Structures are given as structure tokens and as C-alpha cells.
């Protein structure tokens, strides 16, 4: 048998086999799907008929049989129905059989009959056709007084299967014929093309190409395959040598790249270490300087506090002025507490947790750090959930960080914008975020904003210590500060700290580890 004939027979057989398998599987799937659908339709039909029938005690079995036949007559899928009702100790049965001549109705009376206790569906076969049998109990309260049986036919399913078989044989025959004609026409080109490709490959070898994979037809079993394998065998040794050389070059390149990455990582770690050391040295010097300044400011603040208290106690002091003096006294106390903490900074900050009204703390930060002149150009947003109303934290330290973040946000929006302070809980952590719609931070600025004495503000507008001190306070609170910013789209600073609610303070007290389920 020629090569052309073998190819034609192979593809024709493949086509016929594929169509046969596809048709068989399609017929089986479609038949099962239609049978399942008909099963559900049969159950629904039985329930609908049972609901529409008038089965009151005054209705006789003949009337019920006529009503049953009238309801089922338009249903072509029904071939048989039976209604059994218990009345006065007797079971009255009505049967409706649907045949070519229409519905045949029979009625009889029996002494006794068992009724099903629940709906059942079964597949029945009477030798001529198959169908679904549905037995539906009829209840009145908790008493079963009858049953309804409906049998539907699967003749439609069998007709569909028969149609699919006929279509398969037609498609298989036409496909096989078309395939034979097509391959007869194209097979000449199928033989000419590999020979031409082999000739081109030989010319490439003559011109210096030594890639054996470029030689086509080596997998063939005819004469073309013999020639291709012979040419490929001659190029195997040269190809292996080239492959080994390329592998050695690739390994050397990969090793060099790996060492370069390791060196870059070491340089980065060294730079981070040097920058961290510089920051700590600056903070140490700042601590010493702040201790001196704090000591010098303590006495004037005490004097101010004393005079403010005397003014507030003066009976002639107006109520509005007394309220303002109370604010001044509170701020003096807060400054005194901050100075005391700066004096203790050399020995490390020691947070003192206490029950705090978080909403009041946020309002105080906005009131004290958003000047009245700036409130007309800013939109202030404060979002504190009700379940975070009472928490345990250090109000002085947290208020200091929150006030610094709010002040920075105000200065970042000289032309106006939205300033939002939000509180949220994530796991066991409390998050206080301050967002602005200012110019945002560039990537190089984000890397350095926590360095002491580094600032993005104009000369004379900032010392570059606010965020550095805030980060140290966050560390003392066993928390951290996260920054999210896009140039031109504002920035968001979030302080994450452990802060249990007042109800859970006793349970969580003594937990010394910072846990953040959102970080890895």
C-alpha cells in the first residue's frame, strides 16, 4: 500500500472514530439530561395536579376522574394516571389511560389499599417504552387519605437519540468522503514539501550552519527519514560541543550575576546600617539637648500654670475667659508631661496606659493642631467607630504623635484640601491614620522622612525632628508608623499600636509582643 493511501485511510478512520465517540458521548449525556429534566417535570406535574383537584368529601370518584383526565389531556408526556381516595373505610380508585384514541377512564372500589408515606419516583419499562412513575401521597393535616400516581413516557428522549444516530452516520459518511478527496489532492504537496525542506537544510549545512535540529524529516520511516537521520548524525558531535560550551558560559554568567546581587544586597545592608547608626547618634545628641532644654523650660511653665490657676479662681473672671484659661492650663500640663518624658528619654520612654475616650483624643488633636485660620480652607473628617470609644493607651504619647501628624497634614495643604483622621482595628492592633490631599511624597523622600533633622518643608518651617521623635514614641508603645503616599495624590500616615478596649484590658494586660496579622 502506498504512503498516500495509508495516510488517507488513517485520517478517515480517525475522523470516523472521533465522530463515533463524540456522538455516543453526546447521545448519552443528552439522554441523561433529558431524562433527569423529565423526572423533575413529572414530580412537579404530580404536585400541581394534586393541588388543583377538588378532593373534598362531597366529590365522588367519577367526578375526580373526569377532572384528572381534563387536567392531564394537554400533557403529551403523560401515559397513565391513577387516583386512590379512602372514603368511609373504602378505597375508591380512578384510572386514566392515554392512548392513540384519547383518554380511557375507569373507576372501581376496593376494600383496602396501602398508600405511600412520601413521594417516590421510579423508572418503569412496560416492554414498549420506558417512563417515570411518580407516587404522591395525599395528606389532610397529618393523615394520609389517598395517593396519586402519574406515569410519563420517555418516547421523546428515544426519538432524540435516534435522530442523533442518523445525523452521526450522515456526518461520518460525508466527512470521510471529503477527507479522502482533500488528501488525494494535497498529498502530492505533502511529499514535495519535506523533500524541499531537506534540500534547503543541506544547503545551510554547506554554508556553515551546524544546527542538527534544522534538518527536517528525521522521524520519518521512509527514504526521506533515512536521509534526514544520516545528515543529523553527522552534526551531532558539533552540536553537543556547542551545547556544552553554551552551558559553561551560561553557568559562569549566572554565577557572576548571583555574586553581583549578593554584593548589591551587602551594600544596601551596609548603607541601611550606617544610616540607622547616624540616626541613633543624632537622636542621642537630641536627647541630651532636649534634656537641657526641658530642664530650663520647667520652671517658666510652672510659673505660667500657677498664674493661670489664680486667674481662673478670680470671681471676676468671665465664664468664656475661664474656659480659655482651662484650655491653657491643660496645655501647660500636657507640655509639662512631655518635658518630663523628654527628661526620661535617656532612660527610655515608659508608656503609662489608661482608659481613654478615643473620639475625644482625636477631637483634641484636631482642635489644638488645626489653627482657626486654616479651618475655612480645610475639610475636616473624623471617623471613630463606636466600638472603639473606650480604649487603653498612653494619652500623652499617642496625642503627641497624633498632633504631629495632624500638624504635618495641615502644612502639606497650603491651598486647602481634605484632612481625615480615622480609627480602625486590625487583629489586636489599633490604627490611627491621618490623611491629606496635598502634594504627596516622592520615593526618595519616603526613604528619609524618619531621619532626624531631615525635612521636606521650606527653610525655617521645620526642624526635621517631629517624625523621628514620633517613630521613637511608636517603638516605645510597641507599635510602628506606616506611610502610604503617591506623588500628587496626598499621603496617609498610620500609627499602629496595641490598644485593647476597656472591657478586654484585663485579659490582654501583660501581652508584651506586637502581633499584626496583616504583616508577614
Protein backbone atom coordinates (compact mmCIF):
# COMPACT_ATOMS: atom_id res chain seq x y z
CA UNK A 1 0.00 0.00 0.00
CA UNK A 2 1.35 3.42 -0.94
CA UNK A 3 2.14 6.16 1.58
CA UNK A 4 -0.65 8.31 0.20
CA UNK A 5 -3.23 5.51 0.67
CA UNK A 6 -2.06 4.83 4.24
CA UNK A 7 -2.40 8.49 5.17
CA UNK A 8 -5.90 8.70 3.65
CA UNK A 9 -7.06 5.57 5.47
CA UNK A 10 -5.52 6.72 8.76
CA UNK A 11 -7.19 10.10 8.78
CA UNK A 12 -10.50 8.71 7.54
CA UNK A 13 -10.50 6.13 10.32
CA UNK A 14 -9.55 8.78 12.88
CA UNK A 15 -12.41 11.01 11.73
CA UNK A 16 -14.97 8.21 11.84
CA UNK A 17 -13.76 7.01 15.26
CA UNK A 18 -13.78 10.56 16.68
CA UNK A 19 -17.28 11.23 15.39
CA UNK A 20 -18.47 7.88 16.74
CA UNK A 21 -17.09 8.57 20.22
CA UNK A 22 -18.38 12.15 20.20
CA UNK A 23 -21.82 11.07 19.02
CA UNK A 24 -22.03 8.28 21.58
CA UNK A 25 -20.97 10.52 24.44
CA UNK A 26 -23.23 13.35 23.26
CA UNK A 27 -26.18 10.99 22.96
CA UNK A 28 -25.56 9.57 26.43
CA UNK A 29 -25.17 12.99 28.04
CA UNK A 30 -28.19 14.44 26.26
CA UNK A 31 -30.33 11.39 27.07
CA UNK A 32 -29.40 11.51 30.77
CA UNK A 33 -30.01 15.25 30.93
CA UNK A 34 -33.42 15.00 29.25
CA UNK A 35 -34.39 12.02 31.43
CA UNK A 36 -33.43 13.96 34.57
CA UNK A 37 -35.35 17.00 33.37
CA UNK A 38 -38.40 14.86 32.59
CA UNK A 39 -38.14 13.28 36.04
CA UNK A 40 -38.34 16.69 37.69
CA UNK A 41 -41.17 17.73 35.38
CA UNK A 42 -43.09 14.57 36.33
CA UNK A 43 -42.78 15.29 40.05
CA UNK A 44 -43.83 18.92 39.56
CA UNK A 45 -46.75 17.84 37.40
CA UNK A 46 -47.98 15.38 40.04
CA UNK A 47 -47.83 18.04 42.75
CA UNK A 48 -49.58 20.61 40.57
CA UNK A 49 -52.39 18.18 39.66
CA UNK A 50 -52.84 17.20 43.32
CA UNK A 51 -53.21 20.86 44.29
CA UNK A 52 -55.75 21.64 41.55
CA UNK A 53 -58.02 18.60 42.14
CA UNK A 54 -61.11 19.07 44.29
CA UNK A 55 -60.83 16.16 46.77
CA UNK A 56 -63.41 17.30 49.29
CA UNK A 57 -65.57 14.56 50.93
CA UNK A 58 -68.55 15.58 48.74
CA UNK A 59 -66.68 14.88 45.48
CA UNK A 60 -67.28 11.40 44.05
CA UNK A 61 -64.55 9.37 42.37
CA UNK A 62 -66.08 9.68 38.87
CA UNK A 63 -66.05 13.48 39.03
CA UNK A 64 -62.46 13.42 40.32
CA UNK A 65 -61.50 11.05 37.47
CA UNK A 66 -63.03 13.38 34.87
CA UNK A 67 -61.19 16.37 36.38
CA UNK A 68 -57.95 14.38 36.42
CA UNK A 69 -58.34 13.43 32.74
CA UNK A 70 -59.19 17.03 31.84
CA UNK A 71 -56.02 18.35 33.50
CA UNK A 72 -53.70 15.72 32.01
CA UNK A 73 -55.15 15.66 28.48
CA UNK A 74 -52.93 18.59 27.23
CA UNK A 75 -49.84 16.88 28.72
CA UNK A 76 -48.43 14.75 25.94
CA UNK A 77 -45.80 13.21 28.19
CA UNK A 78 -48.43 11.50 30.44
CA UNK A 79 -49.46 7.97 29.51
CA UNK A 80 -51.20 6.81 32.70
CA UNK A 81 -52.65 8.29 35.91
CA UNK A 82 -54.32 6.71 38.93
CA UNK A 83 -56.13 8.42 41.83
CA UNK A 84 -56.94 6.47 45.02
CA UNK A 85 -59.01 8.03 47.85
CA UNK A 86 -60.14 6.47 51.14
CA UNK A 87 -63.77 7.35 51.95
CA UNK A 88 -65.75 5.72 54.84
CA UNK A 89 -63.45 2.71 55.12
CA UNK A 90 -63.35 2.03 51.35
CA UNK A 91 -60.68 2.92 48.80
CA UNK A 92 -62.06 4.40 45.59
CA UNK A 93 -59.75 4.19 42.60
CA UNK A 94 -59.90 6.08 39.29
CA UNK A 95 -57.56 5.29 36.38
CA UNK A 96 -56.92 7.39 33.28
CA UNK A 97 -55.01 5.78 30.40
CA UNK A 98 -53.91 7.92 27.45
CA UNK A 99 -53.71 6.04 24.15
CA UNK A 100 -53.94 6.78 20.43
CA UNK A 101 -57.71 7.10 20.74
CA UNK A 102 -57.67 9.51 23.67
CA UNK A 103 -58.21 9.15 27.41
CA UNK A 104 -59.83 5.98 28.84
CA UNK A 105 -61.33 6.42 32.33
CA UNK A 106 -62.01 3.54 34.77
CA UNK A 107 -63.31 3.67 38.33
CA UNK A 108 -63.62 0.95 40.98
CA UNK A 109 -63.91 0.47 44.72
CA UNK A 110 -61.60 -1.66 46.88
CA UNK A 111 -61.81 -2.79 50.46
CA UNK A 112 -58.33 -1.61 51.44
CA UNK A 113 -55.08 -0.35 49.95
CA UNK A 114 -51.73 0.85 51.32
CA UNK A 115 -50.74 4.43 50.47
CA UNK A 116 -47.15 5.71 50.17
CA UNK A 117 -45.89 7.78 53.09
CA UNK A 118 -43.67 10.04 50.94
CA UNK A 119 -43.18 10.98 47.30
CA UNK A 120 -41.26 8.36 45.30
CA UNK A 121 -40.02 8.31 41.70
CA UNK A 122 -39.04 5.16 39.77
CA UNK A 123 -38.18 4.23 36.19
CA UNK A 124 -40.64 1.70 34.67
CA UNK A 125 -40.47 -0.28 31.44
CA UNK A 126 -43.56 -1.96 30.02
CA UNK A 127 -41.69 -3.59 27.10
CA UNK A 128 -42.74 -0.99 24.54
CA UNK A 129 -41.43 2.18 26.14
CA UNK A 130 -39.90 3.47 29.32
CA UNK A 131 -41.17 6.21 31.60
CA UNK A 132 -41.10 7.78 35.07
CA UNK A 133 -43.63 6.69 37.71
CA UNK A 134 -44.39 9.23 40.46
CA UNK A 135 -46.29 8.11 43.59
CA UNK A 136 -47.50 11.14 45.57
CA UNK A 137 -49.29 10.74 48.94
CA UNK A 138 -52.33 12.96 49.59
CA UNK A 139 -52.46 14.43 53.09
CA UNK A 140 -55.12 16.15 55.13
CA UNK A 141 -53.27 17.53 58.14
CA UNK A 142 -51.13 14.62 59.33
CA UNK A 143 -53.46 11.96 57.91
CA UNK A 144 -52.85 10.32 54.53
CA UNK A 145 -56.21 9.84 52.85
CA UNK A 146 -55.10 8.89 49.33
CA UNK A 147 -52.42 8.73 46.68
CA UNK A 148 -51.85 9.99 43.13
CA UNK A 149 -49.78 8.01 40.62
CA UNK A 150 -48.65 9.51 37.31
CA UNK A 151 -46.55 7.77 34.66
CA UNK A 152 -44.78 9.79 31.96
CA UNK A 153 -43.21 8.42 28.78
CA UNK A 154 -39.60 8.81 27.59
CA UNK A 155 -40.52 8.44 23.93
CA UNK A 156 -39.26 11.98 23.21
CA UNK A 157 -35.85 11.05 24.61
CA UNK A 158 -35.68 7.93 22.44
CA UNK A 159 -36.66 9.95 19.36
CA UNK A 160 -33.86 12.43 20.05
CA UNK A 161 -31.34 9.59 20.45
CA UNK A 162 -32.48 8.03 17.19
CA UNK A 163 -32.17 11.37 15.38
CA UNK A 164 -28.63 11.84 16.71
CA UNK A 165 -27.63 8.40 15.44
CA UNK A 166 -28.92 9.19 11.97
CA UNK A 167 -27.10 12.53 11.96
CA UNK A 168 -23.89 10.80 13.05
CA UNK A 169 -23.95 8.31 10.20
CA UNK A 170 -24.64 11.10 7.71
CA UNK A 171 -21.85 13.36 9.02
CA UNK A 172 -19.39 10.47 9.27
CA UNK A 173 -20.01 9.40 5.70
CA UNK A 174 -19.78 12.89 4.23
CA UNK A 175 -16.69 13.70 6.34
CA UNK A 176 -14.87 10.56 5.26
CA UNK A 177 -15.61 11.31 1.61
CA UNK A 178 -14.47 14.94 1.88
CA UNK A 179 -11.31 13.88 3.72
CA UNK A 180 -10.40 11.32 1.07
CA UNK A 181 -10.80 13.88 -1.72
CA UNK A 182 -8.82 16.54 0.17
CA UNK A 183 -5.93 14.26 0.99
CA UNK A 184 -5.82 12.92 -2.53
CA UNK A 185 -5.44 16.49 -3.78
CA UNK A 186 -2.95 17.67 -1.15
CA UNK A 187 -0.81 14.62 -0.59
CA UNK A 188 1.39 15.44 -3.55
CA UNK A 189 2.39 18.65 -1.83
CA UNK A 190 2.93 16.76 1.42
CA UNK A 191 5.60 14.68 -0.24
CA UNK A 192 7.21 17.55 -2.17
CA UNK A 193 7.43 19.91 0.81
CA UNK A 194 9.64 17.69 3.09
CA UNK A 195 11.99 16.98 0.19
CA UNK A 196 12.34 20.70 -0.48
CA UNK A 197 12.95 21.39 3.21
CA UNK A 198 15.62 18.70 3.30
CA UNK A 199 17.35 20.24 0.30
CA UNK A 200 17.33 23.67 1.99
CA UNK A 201 18.81 22.14 5.16
CA UNK A 202 21.65 20.58 3.15
CA UNK A 203 22.39 23.95 1.58
CA UNK A 204 22.50 25.56 5.03
CA UNK A 205 25.00 22.92 6.19
CA UNK A 206 27.15 23.66 3.16
CA UNK A 207 27.07 27.37 4.05
CA UNK A 208 28.29 26.71 7.62
CA UNK A 209 25.14 26.03 9.71
CA UNK A 210 25.71 23.15 12.12
CA UNK A 211 22.34 23.01 13.89
CA UNK A 212 21.16 19.43 13.59
CA UNK A 213 17.62 20.33 14.70
CA UNK A 214 17.20 22.35 11.49
CA UNK A 215 17.25 19.12 9.49
CA UNK A 216 13.59 18.07 8.99
CA UNK A 217 12.13 14.61 8.40
CA UNK A 218 14.38 12.57 10.73
CA UNK A 219 11.31 10.98 12.40
CA UNK A 220 10.00 9.57 9.12
CA UNK A 221 10.33 5.84 8.33
CA UNK A 222 10.63 6.18 4.57
CA UNK A 223 13.61 7.17 2.42
CA UNK A 224 13.27 10.83 3.34
CA UNK A 225 13.70 9.88 7.01
CA UNK A 226 16.82 7.84 6.24
CA UNK A 227 18.46 10.81 4.51
CA UNK A 228 17.49 13.23 7.29
CA UNK A 229 18.83 10.97 10.05
CA UNK A 230 22.08 10.48 8.24
CA UNK A 231 22.62 14.23 7.91
CA UNK A 232 21.60 14.84 11.53
CA UNK A 233 24.04 12.17 12.79
CA UNK A 234 26.93 13.98 11.12
CA UNK A 235 26.07 17.18 13.01
CA UNK A 236 25.52 15.60 16.45
CA UNK A 237 29.07 15.89 17.75
CA UNK A 238 29.44 19.53 16.71
CA UNK A 239 26.07 20.37 18.24
CA UNK A 240 26.97 18.67 21.55
CA UNK A 241 30.22 20.60 21.68
CA UNK A 242 28.36 23.88 21.12
CA UNK A 243 25.76 22.97 23.73
CA UNK A 244 28.45 22.18 26.33
CA UNK A 245 30.23 25.44 25.61
CA UNK A 246 26.99 27.42 25.85
CA UNK A 247 26.15 25.71 29.17
CA UNK A 248 29.53 26.62 30.64
CA UNK A 249 29.12 30.24 29.54
CA UNK A 250 25.59 30.34 31.00
CA UNK A 251 26.78 28.91 34.32
CA UNK A 252 29.60 31.42 34.54
CA UNK A 253 27.19 34.27 33.71
CA UNK A 254 24.65 33.09 36.27
CA UNK A 255 27.34 32.78 38.95
CA UNK A 256 28.58 36.28 38.20
CA UNK A 257 25.03 37.67 38.32
CA UNK A 258 24.41 35.94 41.65
CA UNK A 259 27.57 37.39 43.14
CA UNK A 260 26.61 40.82 41.85
CA UNK A 261 23.22 40.53 43.54
CA UNK A 262 24.83 39.43 46.79
CA UNK A 263 27.25 42.35 46.61
CA UNK A 264 24.39 44.79 45.94
CA UNK A 265 22.46 43.36 48.91
CA UNK A 266 25.51 43.72 51.15
CA UNK A 267 25.96 47.33 50.01
CA UNK A 268 22.30 48.04 50.75
CA UNK A 269 22.52 46.49 54.21
CA UNK A 270 25.69 48.43 54.93
CA UNK A 271 24.04 51.68 53.84
CA UNK A 272 20.99 50.95 55.99
CA UNK A 273 23.19 50.16 58.97
CA UNK A 274 25.20 53.33 58.56
CA UNK A 275 22.05 55.42 58.18
CA UNK A 276 20.47 53.80 61.24
CA UNK A 277 23.65 54.39 63.25
CA UNK A 278 23.69 58.03 62.17
CA UNK A 279 20.02 58.41 63.15
CA UNK A 280 20.66 56.90 66.57
CA UNK A 281 23.67 59.18 67.12
CA UNK A 282 21.58 62.20 66.19
CA UNK A 283 18.73 61.08 68.45
CA UNK A 284 21.18 60.54 71.31
CA UNK A 285 22.51 64.08 70.87
CA UNK A 286 18.93 65.31 70.61
CA UNK A 287 18.10 63.53 73.85
CA UNK A 288 20.90 65.26 75.68
CA UNK A 289 19.94 68.63 74.20
CA UNK A 290 16.23 68.10 74.91
CA UNK A 291 17.03 67.21 78.50
CA UNK A 292 18.84 70.50 78.98
CA UNK A 293 16.09 72.49 77.25
CA UNK A 294 13.35 70.65 79.13
CA UNK A 295 15.03 71.38 82.44
CA UNK A 296 15.24 75.09 81.58
CA UNK A 297 11.58 75.24 80.45
CA UNK A 298 10.18 73.51 83.51
CA UNK A 299 10.28 76.49 85.87
CA UNK A 300 8.64 79.00 83.47
CA UNK A 301 5.86 76.53 82.77
CA UNK A 302 5.23 76.02 86.47
CA UNK A 303 5.02 79.81 86.89
CA UNK A 304 2.57 80.09 83.99
CA UNK A 305 0.46 77.29 85.44
CA UNK A 306 0.29 78.98 88.81
CA UNK A 307 -0.78 82.33 87.42
CA UNK A 308 -3.36 80.70 85.14
CA UNK A 309 -4.87 78.92 88.14
CA UNK A 310 -5.00 82.21 90.09
CA UNK A 311 -6.75 83.96 87.19
CA UNK A 312 -9.25 81.13 86.80
CA UNK A 313 -10.15 81.32 90.52
CA UNK A 314 -10.79 85.06 90.36
CA UNK A 315 -14.58 85.59 90.82
CA UNK A 316 -14.46 88.50 88.40
CA UNK A 317 -13.18 86.26 85.58
CA UNK A 318 -15.89 85.87 82.86
CA UNK A 319 -17.01 82.27 82.05
CA UNK A 320 -15.66 82.44 78.47
CA UNK A 321 -12.28 83.60 79.73
CA UNK A 322 -12.28 80.90 82.42
CA UNK A 323 -12.93 78.25 79.74
CA UNK A 324 -9.98 79.57 77.76
CA UNK A 325 -7.82 79.55 80.89
CA UNK A 326 -8.78 75.91 81.47
CA UNK A 327 -7.56 75.08 77.96
CA UNK A 328 -4.29 76.94 78.63
CA UNK A 329 -3.84 75.11 81.92
CA UNK A 330 -4.48 71.78 80.23
CA UNK A 331 -1.93 72.53 77.53
CA UNK A 332 0.62 73.60 80.15
CA UNK A 333 0.08 70.30 81.93
CA UNK A 334 0.48 68.42 78.66
CA UNK A 335 3.71 70.31 77.89
CA UNK A 336 4.95 69.56 81.40
CA UNK A 337 4.21 65.87 80.88
CA UNK A 338 6.00 65.89 77.52
CA UNK A 339 9.01 67.67 79.06
CA UNK A 340 9.06 65.08 81.83
CA UNK A 341 9.09 62.32 79.27
CA UNK A 342 11.91 64.01 77.35
CA UNK A 343 13.87 64.13 80.62
CA UNK A 344 13.28 60.39 80.94
CA UNK A 345 14.13 59.71 77.29
CA UNK A 346 17.75 58.98 78.16
CA UNK A 347 16.50 56.04 80.21
CA UNK A 348 13.86 55.11 77.59
CA UNK A 349 10.19 56.05 77.31
CA UNK A 350 7.84 54.16 79.63
CA UNK A 351 4.25 54.30 78.39
CA UNK A 352 1.54 54.52 81.04
CA UNK A 353 -1.73 53.07 79.72
CA UNK A 354 -5.05 54.39 80.98
CA UNK A 355 -8.69 54.28 79.81
CA UNK A 356 -9.12 56.93 77.11
CA UNK A 357 -12.06 58.27 75.12
CA UNK A 358 -10.57 57.84 71.67
CA UNK A 359 -13.02 60.21 69.96
CA UNK A 360 -12.20 62.96 72.48
CA UNK A 361 -8.47 62.36 71.96
CA UNK A 362 -8.87 62.75 68.19
CA UNK A 363 -11.02 65.88 68.60
CA UNK A 364 -8.40 67.38 70.92
CA UNK A 365 -5.63 66.72 68.38
CA UNK A 366 -7.67 68.44 65.64
CA UNK A 367 -8.61 71.37 67.89
CA UNK A 368 -5.07 72.04 69.06
CA UNK A 369 -3.21 71.46 65.80
CA UNK A 370 -5.54 72.93 63.17
CA UNK A 371 -5.41 76.72 63.50
CA UNK A 372 -8.70 78.58 63.32
CA UNK A 373 -7.48 80.49 60.25
CA UNK A 374 -6.94 77.18 58.39
CA UNK A 375 -10.34 75.65 59.18
CA UNK A 376 -12.04 77.72 56.46
CA UNK A 377 -9.87 76.22 53.72
CA UNK A 378 -9.78 72.65 55.03
CA UNK A 379 -12.42 69.94 55.08
CA UNK A 380 -12.01 68.04 58.36
CA UNK A 381 -13.15 64.41 58.55
CA UNK A 382 -13.15 62.41 61.78
CA UNK A 383 -14.19 58.72 61.74
CA UNK A 384 -14.03 56.81 65.05
CA UNK A 385 -16.20 53.65 65.26
CA UNK A 386 -18.46 53.32 68.31
CA UNK A 387 -16.79 50.05 69.36
CA UNK A 388 -13.51 51.96 69.80
CA UNK A 389 -14.97 54.63 72.07
CA UNK A 390 -13.03 53.43 75.16
CA UNK A 391 -9.51 52.00 74.78
CA UNK A 392 -6.42 51.70 76.97
CA UNK A 393 -3.36 53.62 75.79
CA UNK A 394 -0.95 56.35 76.85
CA UNK A 395 -2.89 59.55 76.02
CA UNK A 396 0.12 61.88 76.23
CA UNK A 397 2.37 59.86 73.91
CA UNK A 398 -0.37 58.95 71.44
CA UNK A 399 -1.67 62.53 71.50
CA UNK A 400 1.85 63.82 70.79
CA UNK A 401 2.24 61.56 67.73
CA UNK A 402 -1.29 62.26 66.50
CA UNK A 403 -0.84 66.03 66.92
CA UNK A 404 2.44 65.96 65.00
CA UNK A 405 0.84 64.02 62.12
CA UNK A 406 -2.14 66.41 62.01
CA UNK A 407 0.17 69.44 62.01
CA UNK A 408 2.20 67.98 59.13
CA UNK A 409 -1.00 67.31 57.18
CA UNK A 410 -2.17 70.93 57.63
CA UNK A 411 1.18 72.28 56.39
CA UNK A 412 1.05 69.89 53.39
CA UNK A 413 -2.11 71.60 52.08
CA UNK A 414 -1.41 75.37 51.91
CA UNK A 415 -4.06 75.77 49.22
CA UNK A 416 -6.74 73.79 51.06
CA UNK A 417 -7.95 70.19 50.84
CA UNK A 418 -9.30 67.39 52.98
CA UNK A 419 -7.75 66.29 56.29
CA UNK A 420 -9.11 62.97 57.57
CA UNK A 421 -8.39 61.25 60.88
CA UNK A 422 -9.68 57.69 61.09
CA UNK A 423 -9.51 54.90 63.66
CA UNK A 424 -9.71 51.21 62.89
CA UNK A 425 -8.86 47.88 64.49
CA UNK A 426 -6.96 45.08 62.77
CA UNK A 427 -6.49 41.99 64.87
CA UNK A 428 -5.17 43.12 68.24
CA UNK A 429 -3.89 46.46 66.93
CA UNK A 430 -5.44 49.92 66.90
CA UNK A 431 -4.70 52.06 63.85
CA UNK A 432 -4.90 55.87 63.86
CA UNK A 433 -4.46 57.24 60.34
CA UNK A 434 -4.06 60.86 59.25
CA UNK A 435 -4.64 61.51 55.52
CA UNK A 436 -4.20 64.66 53.46
CA UNK A 437 -4.76 65.57 49.81
CA UNK A 438 -1.54 67.53 49.44
CA UNK A 439 1.36 67.05 47.04
CA UNK A 440 2.38 63.67 48.49
CA UNK A 441 5.90 62.30 48.86
CA UNK A 442 8.41 61.22 46.27
CA UNK A 443 10.04 57.78 46.70
CA UNK A 444 13.38 59.32 47.72
CA UNK A 445 11.62 61.46 50.34
CA UNK A 446 9.74 58.48 51.79
CA UNK A 447 13.06 56.73 52.48
CA UNK A 448 14.37 59.60 54.62
CA UNK A 449 11.37 61.19 56.33
CA UNK A 450 12.13 59.45 59.65
CA UNK A 451 15.76 60.60 59.73
CA UNK A 452 16.50 63.22 62.41
CA UNK A 453 16.84 66.79 61.05
CA UNK A 454 15.57 65.76 57.58
CA UNK A 455 12.56 67.78 56.42
CA UNK A 456 10.70 68.44 53.18
CA UNK A 457 9.43 71.80 54.44
CA UNK A 458 10.94 75.16 53.35
CA UNK A 459 13.81 76.62 55.36
CA UNK A 460 12.63 77.94 58.72
CA UNK A 461 9.37 75.91 58.61
CA UNK A 462 10.52 72.72 60.29
CA UNK A 463 13.35 71.10 62.25
CA UNK A 464 13.06 67.57 60.85
CA UNK A 465 12.57 66.08 64.33
CA UNK A 466 8.80 65.54 64.51
CA UNK A 467 8.61 62.24 62.63
CA UNK A 468 11.89 60.97 64.10
CA UNK A 469 10.56 61.50 67.64
CA UNK A 470 7.17 60.09 66.64
CA UNK A 471 8.82 56.91 65.40
CA UNK A 472 10.71 56.55 68.70
CA UNK A 473 7.45 57.03 70.61
CA UNK A 474 5.72 54.42 68.40
CA UNK A 475 8.55 51.98 69.17
CA UNK A 476 8.17 52.69 72.90
CA UNK A 477 4.44 51.92 72.52
CA UNK A 478 5.38 48.59 70.87
CA UNK A 479 3.96 49.82 67.57
CA UNK A 480 5.05 51.40 64.31
CA UNK A 481 4.17 54.12 61.80
CA UNK A 482 3.26 53.17 58.21
CA UNK A 483 3.35 55.60 55.29
CA UNK A 484 1.32 55.44 52.06
CA UNK A 485 1.83 58.20 49.52
CA UNK A 486 1.60 58.84 45.80
CA UNK A 487 3.15 61.99 44.33
CA UNK A 488 0.35 64.43 43.60
CA UNK A 489 -2.29 62.37 45.46
CA UNK A 490 -1.60 63.13 49.12
CA UNK A 491 -0.22 60.96 51.91
CA UNK A 492 -1.51 58.78 54.75
CA UNK A 493 0.41 58.19 57.99
CA UNK A 494 -0.92 55.38 60.21
CA UNK A 495 0.11 54.70 63.82
CA UNK A 496 -0.40 51.02 64.73
CA UNK A 497 -0.25 50.22 68.46
CA UNK A 498 -1.61 47.54 70.80
CA UNK A 499 -4.65 49.17 72.44
CA UNK A 500 -7.25 46.84 73.96
CA UNK A 501 -10.73 48.10 74.64
CA UNK A 502 -11.64 48.92 78.22
CA UNK A 503 -13.58 45.64 78.55
CA UNK A 504 -10.66 43.50 77.35
CA UNK A 505 -7.91 45.41 79.14
CA UNK A 506 -7.70 42.87 81.96
CA UNK A 507 -7.48 39.95 79.52
CA UNK A 508 -4.77 41.47 77.33
CA UNK A 509 -2.66 43.05 80.08
CA UNK A 510 0.83 41.59 80.15
CA UNK A 511 0.93 40.80 76.43
CA UNK A 512 4.38 42.08 75.50
CA UNK A 513 4.52 41.02 71.86
CA UNK A 514 3.34 43.14 68.94
CA UNK A 515 1.21 40.98 66.69
CA UNK A 516 -0.02 42.12 63.32
CA UNK A 517 -1.95 39.53 61.33
CA UNK A 518 -1.79 41.73 58.24
CA UNK A 519 2.03 41.74 58.06
CA UNK A 520 4.43 38.93 57.28
